[in-house]
């Protein structure tokens, strides 16, 4: 009997791989994240359905228990003998019948039996199975699986998502991508730009789309590493450009002809020219948002503080303050809050208060012209024609240390106290790295060993991970600040590069050739994004005063417009995510008054979806929609048009004259969606436009739309992405498409 029981145990152990309950151990740590469930395979379902017929099939005839055996009473005295009979009967079944019987028995087990099964089978699971039978992540608790995946780099994580559905769900968890996106390597150097990018990928539920955020950061960094960018040129200066600065909308450049020009970054048009210095403008600093503060230094020995205000219709500028104290050219300056530190050809460094124009202190220790300066609230660092770099204490102006290693004038520098680093460029063509704390030169980048510049290095800027330098060899080079490795070389100027400024997206440079150039690394992201993002043309129609503009502005900007202002035609664009798909909505808010009806046919013809709005407080606005819909169908020459009927101002229930059931009946007759909304309380506002997107997708599927769009826009896309390798576009991130890709190495990283 013990031998028989041992055999039964082995039989049970060898077949436990059919237990399909392993996914139960995985629980999501995000309430909105899909919960993974399991189901029987088709073969298992067939086995289950034909359980009884299989036991008595003619091909596998099995001796059944007789009547007395079927009425076994498991009393204590007879249990052992009856168990032997059951085991012997079990051995006479074929393999498939054993599996079906085990499934039936297991489904009848309770907690204690489950515990016993786990103890009996733990050492024998998958012992005789194929090598790829067991899924390791499926056997582990969710927290353990999640921790393992969190240790992977982004390429490995993407490869793992191709394995199966379970791995795809785990690898797509937003917390994994949040951890990646917020790592120092992938974060933006500017905290403001970092937050803006996160906000731009936040959905309607205020949840950041971390996977998309990381993908954009990955692509942006890849373009910096490879030098792939779009270049715009700004022409207007008649002599060499000596200094440049920029903000979110404008570029400001100073010229040796004594002028300062303000440019529109998007159009390359000159907005305004500032004339105040009598000689060459040598240095600039700009800050502020609505009202820009500009500080400039010149060969006329002065520093000027300007106030500039620019909007779409007008611009103004004024010189607020002139600082006099230097006795020679003001070659460099930097501003923090209301403190300005300047360096001059008079061999001195001065600290100024910009609120009253007073010079707080003068630092004199250089023996020749001061060409560059940087400072924080602890140190001032300056470089000079005397080939030295000096470190000064900010509070009292005492010179703490002098660094000497360059064989020529120190023309530019950067320092970072947190990284204990100074980076300097020189007339000797070299870039040197120094320890701020010790003054030791720890690395030299030259053209022989490091593929460095072959000309005088005129300008240099840096941030937490890269150094960007420009030189007389007409090139801009980007370096890894930690290793000193050259990442890319940018060539477009026709003469030496004299100045530059940059952030996470852009480089702006000036040259002896008189041009200003904008090197845009983000434009590739936008082109790829827009190329693969479907556009939806939505038209909002209805009588005047029903709240069309209020609904549109609430959806696009999240604001409620209190004042009624009759609209002729307003156009809005907004990027949204609907059912996991990135969409660009172009919304046309139309006139409601009869005098503009002649314009309707044009935008009805071009519209893909229509929002028909009436006010629940005005019966006439409801009646007008019948004729309006008939006009749409006539212009579109079809009865199948995506449409949403909207009863607006549902917050004014006391003033209601059009019942909800009336609107529902009309929408039912039209075969369209009906919603009652409130722009003021933001009730069902987003649902209007999301529903229209779904209707448009249903009538013209996304793949078909992309094929048609590709015929029209392929030339543009190829022009701007010809330098990139591999697949690009957000459509490649879809799981279904990714599952069809080859698993070999050359395709594993296409998602990023």
Foldseek 3Di string as FASTA:
>chain_A
DVVLVVVVLVLLLVQVLQPPCLLVLEDDPDPPADRDDDDDDPVVVVCLVCLPCLQPPPVQHADDDDPVLVPDDCDPVCVVVNVSVVSVSLVSGDPSNNNNVVVVVVVPDDDVVVVVSCVSRVVRPCVPPPPPSDDVLSNDHNVVSLVVLLPDDPLVLLLQLLPDPVSVSSSLPLVSLQSVCPPPVQAFLDPVVRVVLQVQQAAPVRRGNSVVSSVLSVLLVVCVLAVAFDKDKAFDFPFFWQEWDDDDFWIWTWAQCQKIWIAGPPPSHTADIDHDDPGGWHYWDWDDDQWIWIWTWFQSQKIWIKIWGDDDPDIDMDTDDIAHDGPGGFHYWDDDDQWIWTFFQVQKIWIAGNVVNDTPDIAHDGPGGWQEWDDDQAWIWTWFQVQKIWIAGNPPGHTDDIAHDDPGGFHEWDDDVVVQWIWTFGQNQKIWIARNVPNDTDDIAHCPPQVGDPGGWQYWDDGDFWIWTWGQVQKIWIAGPVPRHTSDIDHDDPGGWHYWDDTSFWIWTIGRVNMIMITGSCVLVVLQAVLQAEEAEEEEDFAAPLCLVLLVCCQAPVDGDPDRDFDAKDWDWDWHAFPNGIHIYIYIYHGRDPVNPVPPLVSLLVHQEYEQEGEQLDVVRVVVVVVVLVSSCVSNVHLLGAYEYEHEPVVVVVRGDHDPVNQVVVCVVSVYHYDYYYSVVGRCSVVRVSSSVVSSCVVQPSVNSSVVVCVVCVVVSCVSCVPDDADTHCVCVDSVNVNPDDSDDVNSNRND
